[in-house]
Amino acid sequence: MRRAALLAGVVVLAGCGGGGAEHAPPQPPRLPRALAQSWARQADGVAAALAAGDGCTAQRLAAGLRSKVAGAAGRVPQRLLAALGAAVDDLPDRITCTPPPPPAPEQHGHGHGHGKGHGHGDENG
């Protein structure tokens, strides 16, 4: 979960930029804002699923995020892409997917309308 939070922080910081001085040194590489926001939402989804104890959903979302980051070559500066890739590459593998147990079968016949007083077998007539 720490890794998802770290990724979200990196994405948000990289996408925000700064309003620095007029004669500032060259700007560090930046993510396109829309991409940063999308990845931050995906990272938040992973973190939320983990917090809810839903490892299967978290693992699926993390794999999707990893795919999106890997497919961003050419749209993201290589230096940032390398750092983000390192943050998400093994994330799905570090999440455990434990499917919930199947629902218990319903039990019938334990005092639910069967037995005396319901006219069964009463053929006086």
Protein backbone atom coordinates (compact mmCIF):
# COMPACT_ATOMS: atom_id res chain seq x y z
CA MET A 1 0.00 0.00 0.00
CA ARG A 2 2.93 2.31 0.65
CA ARG A 3 4.04 1.87 -2.93
CA ALA A 4 0.65 2.98 -4.27
CA ALA A 5 0.71 6.03 -2.02
CA LEU A 6 4.26 6.84 -3.11
CA LEU A 7 3.26 6.51 -6.75
CA ALA A 8 0.27 8.78 -6.22
CA GLY A 9 2.54 11.37 -4.61
CA VAL A 10 5.08 11.20 -7.43
CA VAL A 11 2.36 11.50 -10.04
CA VAL A 12 0.70 14.46 -8.36
CA LEU A 13 3.96 16.30 -7.80
CA ALA A 14 5.18 15.63 -11.31
CA GLY A 15 1.94 16.86 -12.83
CA CYS A 16 1.61 20.03 -10.79
CA GLY A 17 4.71 21.96 -11.74
CA GLY A 18 5.57 25.10 -9.88
CA GLY A 19 5.03 28.78 -10.13
CA GLY A 20 8.73 29.52 -9.40
CA ALA A 21 10.81 32.61 -10.05
CA GLU A 22 11.14 34.24 -13.45
CA HIS A 23 14.82 33.28 -13.86
CA ALA A 24 14.62 29.80 -12.44
CA PRO A 25 16.92 26.98 -13.49
CA PRO A 26 15.63 24.63 -16.19
CA GLN A 27 12.42 22.92 -15.22
CA PRO A 28 12.61 19.26 -14.27
CA PRO A 29 10.77 16.89 -16.59
CA ARG A 30 7.01 16.94 -16.13
CA LEU A 31 4.15 14.61 -16.75
CA PRO A 32 1.26 15.86 -18.84
CA ARG A 33 -1.40 16.97 -16.35
CA ALA A 34 -4.17 14.72 -17.72
CA LEU A 35 -1.89 11.69 -17.56
CA ALA A 36 -0.77 12.53 -14.03
CA GLN A 37 -4.38 12.89 -12.90
CA SER A 38 -5.41 9.62 -14.55
CA TRP A 39 -2.55 7.68 -12.97
CA ALA A 40 -3.22 9.29 -9.59
CA ARG A 41 -6.86 8.14 -9.77
CA GLN A 42 -5.72 4.63 -10.68
CA ALA A 43 -3.20 4.57 -7.81
CA ASP A 44 -5.93 5.81 -5.45
CA GLY A 45 -8.16 2.98 -6.68
CA VAL A 46 -5.44 0.44 -5.88
CA ALA A 47 -4.98 1.94 -2.40
CA ALA A 48 -8.75 2.01 -1.77
CA ALA A 49 -9.15 -1.63 -2.81
CA LEU A 50 -6.30 -2.64 -0.53
CA ALA A 51 -7.78 -0.65 2.35
CA ALA A 52 -11.10 -2.45 1.79
CA GLY A 53 -9.34 -5.82 1.89
CA ASP A 54 -10.09 -6.52 -1.78
CA GLY A 55 -6.72 -7.78 -2.99
CA CYS A 56 -8.12 -9.18 -6.24
CA THR A 57 -9.45 -5.81 -7.36
CA ALA A 58 -6.28 -4.07 -6.16
CA GLN A 59 -4.14 -6.52 -8.11
CA ARG A 60 -6.22 -6.04 -11.27
CA LEU A 61 -6.07 -2.23 -10.96
CA ALA A 62 -2.32 -2.31 -10.27
CA ALA A 63 -1.75 -4.43 -13.39
CA GLY A 64 -3.76 -1.90 -15.41
CA LEU A 65 -1.72 0.97 -14.01
CA ARG A 66 1.51 -0.88 -14.82
CA SER A 67 0.28 -1.31 -18.41
CA LYS A 68 -0.61 2.35 -18.74
CA VAL A 69 2.77 3.48 -17.42
CA ALA A 70 4.62 1.03 -19.69
CA GLY A 71 2.64 2.28 -22.69
CA ALA A 72 3.45 5.94 -22.08
CA ALA A 73 6.87 5.90 -23.79
CA GLY A 74 7.16 8.95 -26.01
CA ARG A 75 4.57 10.94 -24.06
CA VAL A 76 6.49 11.05 -20.78
CA PRO A 77 10.12 12.14 -20.30
CA GLN A 78 12.31 9.03 -20.01
CA ARG A 79 13.66 10.02 -16.59
CA LEU A 80 10.16 10.17 -15.11
CA LEU A 81 9.02 7.08 -16.96
CA ALA A 82 11.91 5.10 -15.49
CA ALA A 83 11.05 6.22 -11.94
CA LEU A 84 7.33 5.57 -12.37
CA GLY A 85 7.98 2.23 -14.05
CA ALA A 86 10.16 1.16 -11.14
CA ALA A 87 7.36 2.12 -8.74
CA VAL A 88 4.66 0.09 -10.52
CA ASP A 89 6.49 -2.80 -12.21
CA ASP A 90 6.24 -5.29 -9.36
CA LEU A 91 3.23 -3.76 -7.62
CA PRO A 92 0.68 -6.32 -8.90
CA ASP A 93 3.01 -9.16 -7.88
CA ARG A 94 3.24 -7.80 -4.34
CA ILE A 95 -0.54 -7.82 -3.88
CA THR A 96 -2.22 -11.02 -2.78
CA CYS A 97 -5.51 -11.91 -4.40
CA THR A 98 -7.53 -14.14 -2.11
CA PRO A 99 -11.00 -14.66 -3.56
CA PRO A 100 -13.79 -14.64 -0.99
CA PRO A 101 -15.10 -18.05 0.02
CA PRO A 102 -18.18 -19.23 -1.86
CA PRO A 103 -21.46 -18.47 -0.13
CA ALA A 104 -22.67 -21.13 2.28
CA PRO A 105 -25.44 -23.28 0.81
CA GLU A 106 -28.89 -22.51 2.10
CA GLN A 107 -30.25 -25.07 4.50
CA HIS A 108 -33.87 -26.16 4.11
CA GLY A 109 -36.12 -28.28 6.29
CA HIS A 110 -35.15 -27.15 9.78
CA GLY A 111 -38.57 -26.18 11.14
CA HIS A 112 -39.59 -24.15 8.13
CA GLY A 113 -43.18 -25.27 7.50
CA HIS A 114 -42.66 -29.01 7.65
CA GLY A 115 -44.31 -31.15 10.31
CA LYS A 116 -47.50 -31.25 12.33
CA GLY A 117 -50.41 -28.90 11.99
CA HIS A 118 -50.15 -28.21 8.28
CA GLY A 119 -52.55 -30.81 6.98
CA HIS A 120 -49.95 -33.17 5.57
CA GLY A 121 -51.16 -36.77 5.73
CA ASP A 122 -54.48 -35.77 7.31
CA GLU A 123 -56.99 -37.50 5.07
CA ASN A 124 -60.11 -37.45 7.23
CA GLY A 125 -62.76 -36.27 5.03
